[in-house]
Structure formats: C-alpha cells, structure tokens
PDB file of all heavy atoms in Angstrom:
ATOM      1  N   GLY A   1       0.787  -1.217   0.000  1.00  0.00           N
ATOM      2  CA  GLY A   1       0.000   0.000   0.000  1.00  0.00           C
ATOM      3  C   GLY A   1       0.823   1.273   0.000  1.00  0.00           C
ATOM      4  O   GLY A   1       0.271   2.367  -0.006  1.00  0.00           O
ATOM      5  N   SER A   2       2.152   1.138   0.005  1.00  0.00           N
ATOM      6  CA  SER A   2       3.012   2.317  -0.021  1.00  0.00           C
ATOM      7  C   SER A   2       2.970   2.966  -1.402  1.00  0.00           C
ATOM      8  O   SER A   2       2.796   2.296  -2.416  1.00  0.00           O
ATOM      9  CB  SER A   2       4.462   1.936   0.287  1.00  0.00           C
ATOM     10  OG  SER A   2       4.556   1.337   1.554  1.00  0.00           O
ATOM     11  N   GLU A   3       3.139   4.275  -1.434  1.00  0.00           N
ATOM     12  CA  GLU A   3       3.184   4.996  -2.694  1.00  0.00           C
ATOM     13  C   GLU A   3       4.498   4.705  -3.411  1.00  0.00           C
ATOM     14  O   GLU A   3       5.550   4.639  -2.790  1.00  0.00           O
ATOM     15  CB  GLU A   3       3.048   6.489  -2.414  1.00  0.00           C
ATOM     16  CG  GLU A   3       2.790   7.312  -3.632  1.00  0.00           C
ATOM     17  CD  GLU A   3       2.500   8.747  -3.282  1.00  0.00           C
ATOM     18  OE1 GLU A   3       3.476   9.515  -3.174  1.00  0.00           O
ATOM     19  OE2 GLU A   3       1.317   9.090  -3.102  1.00  0.00           O
ATOM     20  N   TRP A   4       4.440   4.537  -4.722  1.00  0.00           N
ATOM     21  CA  TRP A   4       5.616   4.234  -5.525  1.00  0.00           C
ATOM     22  C   TRP A   4       5.595   5.101  -6.770  1.00  0.00           C
ATOM     23  O   TRP A   4       4.596   5.150  -7.489  1.00  0.00           O
ATOM     24  CB  TRP A   4       5.630   2.765  -5.901  1.00  0.00           C
ATOM     25  CG  TRP A   4       6.749   2.370  -6.804  1.00  0.00           C
ATOM     26  CD1 TRP A   4       8.063   2.275  -6.487  1.00  0.00           C
ATOM     27  CD2 TRP A   4       6.643   2.017  -8.188  1.00  0.00           C
ATOM     28  NE1 TRP A   4       8.797   1.878  -7.583  1.00  0.00           N
ATOM     29  CE2 TRP A   4       7.940   1.718  -8.641  1.00  0.00           C
ATOM     30  CE3 TRP A   4       5.590   1.918  -9.068  1.00  0.00           C
ATOM     31  CZ2 TRP A   4       8.209   1.328  -9.939  1.00  0.00           C
ATOM     32  CZ3 TRP A   4       5.851   1.536 -10.365  1.00  0.00           C
ATOM     33  CH2 TRP A   4       7.157   1.240 -10.783  1.00  0.00           C
ATOM     34  N   ILE A   5       6.681   5.804  -7.035  1.00  0.00           N
ATOM     35  CA  ILE A   5       6.813   6.640  -8.222  1.00  0.00           C
ATOM     36  C   ILE A   5       7.940   6.052  -9.075  1.00  0.00           C
ATOM     37  O   ILE A   5       9.098   6.056  -8.665  1.00  0.00           O
ATOM     38  CB  ILE A   5       7.123   8.103  -7.857  1.00  0.00           C
ATOM     39  CG1 ILE A   5       6.006   8.659  -6.984  1.00  0.00           C
ATOM     40  CG2 ILE A   5       7.310   8.940  -9.119  1.00  0.00           C
ATOM     41  CD1 ILE A   5       6.299  10.025  -6.401  1.00  0.00           C
ATOM     42  N   PRO A   6       7.609   5.512 -10.271  1.00  0.00           N
ATOM     43  CA  PRO A   6       8.653   4.909 -11.110  1.00  0.00           C
ATOM     44  C   PRO A   6       9.609   5.958 -11.653  1.00  0.00           C
ATOM     45  O   PRO A   6       9.230   7.101 -11.879  1.00  0.00           O
ATOM     46  CB  PRO A   6       7.866   4.243 -12.232  1.00  0.00           C
ATOM     47  CG  PRO A   6       6.564   4.972 -12.274  1.00  0.00           C
ATOM     48  CD  PRO A   6       6.298   5.455 -10.879  1.00  0.00           C
ATOM     49  N   GLN A   7      10.848   5.557 -11.865  1.00  0.00           N
ATOM     50  CA  GLN A   7      11.878   6.418 -12.445  1.00  0.00           C
ATOM     51  C   GLN A   7      12.148   5.927 -13.854  1.00  0.00           C
ATOM     52  O   GLN A   7      12.580   4.792 -14.047  1.00  0.00           O
ATOM     53  CB  GLN A   7      13.155   6.355 -11.598  1.00  0.00           C
ATOM     54  CG  GLN A   7      12.950   6.763 -10.155  1.00  0.00           C
ATOM     55  CD  GLN A   7      12.539   8.221 -10.026  1.00  0.00           C
ATOM     56  OE1 GLN A   7      13.150   9.089 -10.619  1.00  0.00           O
ATOM     57  NE2 GLN A   7      11.501   8.463  -9.258  1.00  0.00           N
ATOM     58  N   PHE A   8      11.873   6.760 -14.839  1.00  0.00           N
ATOM     59  CA  PHE A   8      12.046   6.382 -16.229  1.00  0.00           C
ATOM     60  C   PHE A   8      13.370   6.906 -16.771  1.00  0.00           C
ATOM     61  O   PHE A   8      13.812   7.991 -16.427  1.00  0.00           O
ATOM     62  CB  PHE A   8      10.899   6.930 -17.087  1.00  0.00           C
ATOM     63  CG  PHE A   8       9.570   6.327 -16.735  1.00  0.00           C
ATOM     64  CD1 PHE A   8       8.681   7.015 -15.931  1.00  0.00           C
ATOM     65  CD2 PHE A   8       9.221   5.070 -17.187  1.00  0.00           C
ATOM     66  CE1 PHE A   8       7.457   6.460 -15.600  1.00  0.00           C
ATOM     67  CE2 PHE A   8       8.005   4.507 -16.858  1.00  0.00           C
ATOM     68  CZ  PHE A   8       7.119   5.208 -16.062  1.00  0.00           C
ATOM     69  N   ILE A   9      13.981   6.142 -17.644  1.00  0.00           N
ATOM     70  CA  ILE A   9      15.221   6.550 -18.302  1.00  0.00           C
ATOM     71  C   ILE A   9      14.846   7.441 -19.477  1.00  0.00           C
ATOM     72  O   ILE A   9      13.970   7.103 -20.280  1.00  0.00           O
ATOM     73  CB  ILE A   9      15.998   5.318 -18.800  1.00  0.00           C
ATOM     74  CG1 ILE A   9      16.444   4.481 -17.614  1.00  0.00           C
ATOM     75  CG2 ILE A   9      17.170   5.733 -19.667  1.00  0.00           C
ATOM     76  CD1 ILE A   9      17.071   3.164 -18.008  1.00  0.00           C
ATOM     77  N   THR A  10      15.499   8.576 -19.584  1.00  0.00           N
ATOM     78  CA  THR A  10      15.214   9.500 -20.685  1.00  0.00           C
ATOM     79  C   THR A  10      16.315   9.512 -21.729  1.00  0.00           C
ATOM     80  O   THR A  10      16.133  10.068 -22.804  1.00  0.00           O
ATOM     81  CB  THR A  10      15.007  10.929 -20.156  1.00  0.00           C
ATOM     82  OG1 THR A  10      16.168  11.325 -19.433  1.00  0.00           O
ATOM     83  CG2 THR A  10      13.803  10.995 -19.229  1.00  0.00           C
ATOM     84  N   ALA A  11      17.464   8.913 -21.427  1.00  0.00           N
ATOM     85  CA  ALA A  11      18.566   8.857 -22.391  1.00  0.00           C
ATOM     86  C   ALA A  11      19.422   7.635 -22.102  1.00  0.00           C
ATOM     87  O   ALA A  11      19.537   7.205 -20.957  1.00  0.00           O
ATOM     88  CB  ALA A  11      19.414  10.115 -22.296  1.00  0.00           C
ATOM     89  N   LEU A  12      20.004   7.084 -23.149  1.00  0.00           N
ATOM     90  CA  LEU A  12      20.901   5.937 -23.008  1.00  0.00           C
ATOM     91  C   LEU A  12      22.297   6.344 -23.432  1.00  0.00           C
ATOM     92  O   LEU A  12      22.480   6.980 -24.465  1.00  0.00           O
ATOM     93  CB  LEU A  12      20.437   4.781 -23.886  1.00  0.00           C
ATOM     94  CG  LEU A  12      19.087   4.179 -23.530  1.00  0.00           C
ATOM     95  CD1 LEU A  12      18.663   3.185 -24.596  1.00  0.00           C
ATOM     96  CD2 LEU A  12      19.157   3.508 -22.185  1.00  0.00           C
ATOM     97  N   SER A  13      23.277   5.956 -22.655  1.00  0.00           N
ATOM     98  CA  SER A  13      24.664   6.257 -22.980  1.00  0.00           C
ATOM     99  C   SER A  13      25.272   5.068 -23.724  1.00  0.00           C
ATOM    100  O   SER A  13      25.300   3.954 -23.191  1.00  0.00           O
ATOM    101  CB  SER A  13      25.456   6.506 -21.696  1.00  0.00           C
ATOM    102  OG  SER A  13      26.830   6.535 -21.965  1.00  0.00           O
ATOM    103  N   PRO A  14      25.750   5.269 -24.936  1.00  0.00           N
ATOM    104  CA  PRO A  14      26.378   4.164 -25.676  1.00  0.00           C
ATOM    105  C   PRO A  14      27.570   3.564 -24.934  1.00  0.00           C
ATOM    106  O   PRO A  14      27.844   2.375 -25.055  1.00  0.00           O
ATOM    107  CB  PRO A  14      26.825   4.806 -26.988  1.00  0.00           C
ATOM    108  CG  PRO A  14      25.984   6.025 -27.129  1.00  0.00           C
ATOM    109  CD  PRO A  14      25.689   6.487 -25.728  1.00  0.00           C
ATOM    110  N   GLN A  15      28.274   4.359 -24.145  1.00  0.00           N
ATOM    111  CA  GLN A  15      29.430   3.858 -23.403  1.00  0.00           C
ATOM    112  C   GLN A  15      29.009   2.958 -22.238  1.00  0.00           C
ATOM    113  O   GLN A  15      29.776   2.114 -21.797  1.00  0.00           O
ATOM    114  CB  GLN A  15      30.268   5.017 -22.861  1.00  0.00           C
ATOM    115  CG  GLN A  15      30.954   5.840 -23.923  1.00  0.00           C
ATOM    116  CD  GLN A  15      30.022   6.858 -24.574  1.00  0.00           C
ATOM    117  OE1 GLN A  15      29.002   7.223 -24.019  1.00  0.00           O
ATOM    118  NE2 GLN A  15      30.383   7.296 -25.766  1.00  0.00           N
ATOM    119  N   ALA A  16      27.798   3.125 -21.730  1.00  0.00           N
ATOM    120  CA  ALA A  16      27.343   2.349 -20.579  1.00  0.00           C
ATOM    121  C   ALA A  16      26.629   1.058 -20.981  1.00  0.00           C
ATOM    122  O   ALA A  16      26.298   0.246 -20.126  1.00  0.00           O
ATOM    123  CB  ALA A  16      26.410   3.201 -19.715  1.00  0.00           C
ATOM    124  N   ARG A  17      26.401   0.851 -22.254  1.00  0.00           N
ATOM    125  CA  ARG A  17      25.674  -0.331 -22.711  1.00  0.00           C
ATOM    126  C   ARG A  17      26.465  -1.607 -22.442  1.00  0.00           C
ATOM    127  O   ARG A  17      27.672  -1.642 -22.555  1.00  0.00           O
ATOM    128  CB  ARG A  17      25.396  -0.224 -24.208  1.00  0.00           C
ATOM    129  CG  ARG A  17      24.429   0.897 -24.524  1.00  0.00           C
ATOM    130  CD  ARG A  17      24.064   0.911 -25.959  1.00  0.00           C
ATOM    131  NE  ARG A  17      23.389  -0.343 -26.271  1.00  0.00           N
ATOM    132  CZ  ARG A  17      23.231  -0.793 -27.498  1.00  0.00           C
ATOM    133  NH1 ARG A  17      23.689  -0.126 -28.512  1.00  0.00           N
ATOM    134  NH2 ARG A  17      22.617  -1.942 -27.726  1.00  0.00           N
ATOM    135  N   VAL A  18      25.739  -2.679 -22.100  1.00  0.00           N
ATOM    136  CA  VAL A  18      26.366  -3.981 -21.875  1.00  0.00           C
ATOM    137  C   VAL A  18      25.828  -5.038 -22.840  1.00  0.00           C
ATOM    138  O   VAL A  18      26.256  -6.172 -22.816  1.00  0.00           O
ATOM    139  CB  VAL A  18      26.191  -4.456 -20.411  1.00  0.00           C
ATOM    140  CG1 VAL A  18      26.909  -3.530 -19.460  1.00  0.00           C
ATOM    141  CG2 VAL A  18      24.725  -4.580 -20.056  1.00  0.00           C
ATOM    142  N   GLY A  19      24.849  -4.669 -23.675  1.00  0.00           N
ATOM    143  CA  GLY A  19      24.323  -5.598 -24.666  1.00  0.00           C
ATOM    144  C   GLY A  19      23.275  -6.560 -24.151  1.00  0.00           C
ATOM    145  O   GLY A  19      23.034  -7.589 -24.766  1.00  0.00           O
ATOM    146  N   CYS A  20      22.610  -6.235 -23.043  1.00  0.00           N
ATOM    147  CA  CYS A  20      21.625  -7.149 -22.466  1.00  0.00           C
ATOM    148  C   CYS A  20      20.306  -7.158 -23.227  1.00  0.00           C
ATOM    149  O   CYS A  20      19.558  -8.128 -23.173  1.00  0.00           O
ATOM    150  CB  CYS A  20      21.375  -6.811 -20.996  1.00  0.00           C
ATOM    151  SG  CYS A  20      20.542  -5.221 -20.757  1.00  0.00           S
ATOM    152  N   GLY A  21      19.977  -6.060 -23.928  1.00  0.00           N
ATOM    153  CA  GLY A  21      18.749  -6.002 -24.717  1.00  0.00           C
ATOM    154  C   GLY A  21      17.530  -5.516 -23.966  1.00  0.00           C
ATOM    155  O   GLY A  21      16.440  -5.484 -24.517  1.00  0.00           O
ATOM    156  N   ARG A  22      17.656  -5.132 -22.708  1.00  0.00           N
ATOM    157  CA  ARG A  22      16.490  -4.674 -21.945  1.00  0.00           C
ATOM    158  C   ARG A  22      15.844  -3.443 -22.564  1.00  0.00           C
ATOM    159  O   ARG A  22      14.626  -3.350 -22.644  1.00  0.00           O
ATOM    160  CB  ARG A  22      16.867  -4.372 -20.500  1.00  0.00           C
ATOM    161  CG  ARG A  22      17.082  -5.588 -19.677  1.00  0.00           C
ATOM    162  CD  ARG A  22      17.362  -5.194 -18.252  1.00  0.00           C
ATOM    163  NE  ARG A  22      17.535  -6.369 -17.433  1.00  0.00           N
ATOM    164  CZ  ARG A  22      17.774  -6.341 -16.150  1.00  0.00           C
ATOM    165  NH1 ARG A  22      17.888  -5.183 -15.532  1.00  0.00           N
ATOM    166  NH2 ARG A  22      17.911  -7.450 -15.472  1.00  0.00           N
ATOM    167  N   CYS A  23      16.652  -2.491 -23.011  1.00  0.00           N
ATOM    168  CA  CYS A  23      16.095  -1.272 -23.601  1.00  0.00           C
ATOM    169  C   CYS A  23      15.296  -1.618 -24.860  1.00  0.00           C
ATOM    170  O   CYS A  23      14.234  -1.074 -25.103  1.00  0.00           O
ATOM    171  CB  CYS A  23      17.187  -0.251 -23.902  1.00  0.00           C
ATOM    172  SG  CYS A  23      18.478  -0.841 -25.013  1.00  0.00           S
ATOM    173  N   TYR A  24      15.805  -2.561 -25.632  1.00  0.00           N
ATOM    174  CA  TYR A  24      15.129  -2.995 -26.852  1.00  0.00           C
ATOM    175  C   TYR A  24      13.790  -3.649 -26.526  1.00  0.00           C
ATOM    176  O   TYR A  24      12.793  -3.407 -27.184  1.00  0.00           O
ATOM    177  CB  TYR A  24      16.037  -3.967 -27.605  1.00  0.00           C
ATOM    178  CG  TYR A  24      15.367  -4.663 -28.761  1.00  0.00           C
ATOM    179  CD1 TYR A  24      15.157  -4.009 -29.961  1.00  0.00           C
ATOM    180  CD2 TYR A  24      14.941  -5.980 -28.635  1.00  0.00           C
ATOM    181  CE1 TYR A  24      14.541  -4.648 -31.019  1.00  0.00           C
ATOM    182  CE2 TYR A  24      14.325  -6.622 -29.689  1.00  0.00           C
ATOM    183  CZ  TYR A  24      14.124  -5.948 -30.871  1.00  0.00           C
ATOM    184  OH  TYR A  24      13.506  -6.577 -31.907  1.00  0.00           O
ATOM    185  N   LYS A  25      13.755  -4.460 -25.481  1.00  0.00           N
ATOM    186  CA  LYS A  25      12.550  -5.205 -25.127  1.00  0.00           C
ATOM    187  C   LYS A  25      11.434  -4.321 -24.580  1.00  0.00           C
ATOM    188  O   LYS A  25      10.272  -4.609 -24.779  1.00  0.00           O
ATOM    189  CB  LYS A  25      12.889  -6.277 -24.096  1.00  0.00           C
ATOM    190  CG  LYS A  25      13.769  -7.370 -24.644  1.00  0.00           C
ATOM    191  CD  LYS A  25      14.191  -8.313 -23.543  1.00  0.00           C
ATOM    192  CE  LYS A  25      15.209  -9.311 -24.038  1.00  0.00           C
ATOM    193  NZ  LYS A  25      15.769 -10.114 -22.962  1.00  0.00           N
ATOM    194  N   VAL A  26      11.778  -3.255 -23.878  1.00  0.00           N
ATOM    195  CA  VAL A  26      10.755  -2.453 -23.208  1.00  0.00           C
ATOM    196  C   VAL A  26      10.423  -1.139 -23.898  1.00  0.00           C
ATOM    197  O   VAL A  26       9.511  -0.449 -23.487  1.00  0.00           O
ATOM    198  CB  VAL A  26      11.136  -2.154 -21.741  1.00  0.00           C
ATOM    199  CG1 VAL A  26      11.309  -3.434 -20.961  1.00  0.00           C
ATOM    200  CG2 VAL A  26      12.373  -1.283 -21.665  1.00  0.00           C
ATOM    201  N   CYS A  27      11.118  -0.782 -24.961  1.00  0.00           N
ATOM    202  CA  CYS A  27      10.893   0.508 -25.622  1.00  0.00           C
ATOM    203  C   CYS A  27       9.508   0.527 -26.283  1.00  0.00           C
ATOM    204  O   CYS A  27       9.244  -0.244 -27.194  1.00  0.00           O
ATOM    205  CB  CYS A  27      11.972   0.775 -26.672  1.00  0.00           C
ATOM    206  SG  CYS A  27      11.760   2.371 -27.486  1.00  0.00           S
ATOM    207  N   PRO A  28       8.600   1.413 -25.832  1.00  0.00           N
ATOM    208  CA  PRO A  28       7.255   1.442 -26.403  1.00  0.00           C
ATOM    209  C   PRO A  28       7.219   1.996 -27.820  1.00  0.00           C
ATOM    210  O   PRO A  28       6.295   1.733 -28.561  1.00  0.00           O
ATOM    211  CB  PRO A  28       6.478   2.335 -25.446  1.00  0.00           C
ATOM    212  CG  PRO A  28       7.507   3.238 -24.860  1.00  0.00           C
ATOM    213  CD  PRO A  28       8.760   2.401 -24.768  1.00  0.00           C
ATOM    214  N   LYS A  29       8.225   2.736 -28.212  1.00  0.00           N
ATOM    215  CA  LYS A  29       8.257   3.327 -29.556  1.00  0.00           C
ATOM    216  C   LYS A  29       9.132   2.533 -30.514  1.00  0.00           C
ATOM    217  O   LYS A  29       9.256   2.881 -31.672  1.00  0.00           O
ATOM    218  CB  LYS A  29       8.735   4.771 -29.473  1.00  0.00           C
ATOM    219  CG  LYS A  29       7.797   5.613 -28.655  1.00  0.00           C
ATOM    220  CD  LYS A  29       8.126   7.063 -28.773  1.00  0.00           C
ATOM    221  CE  LYS A  29       7.208   7.825 -27.854  1.00  0.00           C
ATOM    222  NZ  LYS A  29       6.370   8.746 -28.525  1.00  0.00           N
ATOM    223  N   GLN A  30       9.737   1.474 -30.028  1.00  0.00           N
ATOM    224  CA  GLN A  30      10.610   0.600 -30.812  1.00  0.00           C
ATOM    225  C   GLN A  30      11.653   1.402 -31.591  1.00  0.00           C
ATOM    226  O   GLN A  30      11.875   1.188 -32.773  1.00  0.00           O
ATOM    227  CB  GLN A  30       9.782  -0.278 -31.741  1.00  0.00           C
ATOM    228  CG  GLN A  30       8.846  -1.182 -30.969  1.00  0.00           C
ATOM    229  CD  GLN A  30       8.008  -2.055 -31.859  1.00  0.00           C
ATOM    230  OE1 GLN A  30       7.982  -1.905 -33.060  1.00  0.00           O
ATOM    231  NE2 GLN A  30       7.299  -2.988 -31.251  1.00  0.00           N
TER     232      GLN A  30
END
C-alpha cells in the first residue's frame, strides 16, 4: 500500500551499454 513513483530513463549512454537487450525489449516506440 506504499506509494511508488517509477523512475524512467530518458537517455541511453552508448558507453554504458552492456548488450543485455532490456532497452530494446521495453521501448514502447521501438
């Protein structure tokens, strides 16, 4: 019942990528 505010990513850094594919799987705009 606690309040929860999600934190959305607004930008991706190419240097921080690890190749897991999560951003690809969840992107609503593909």
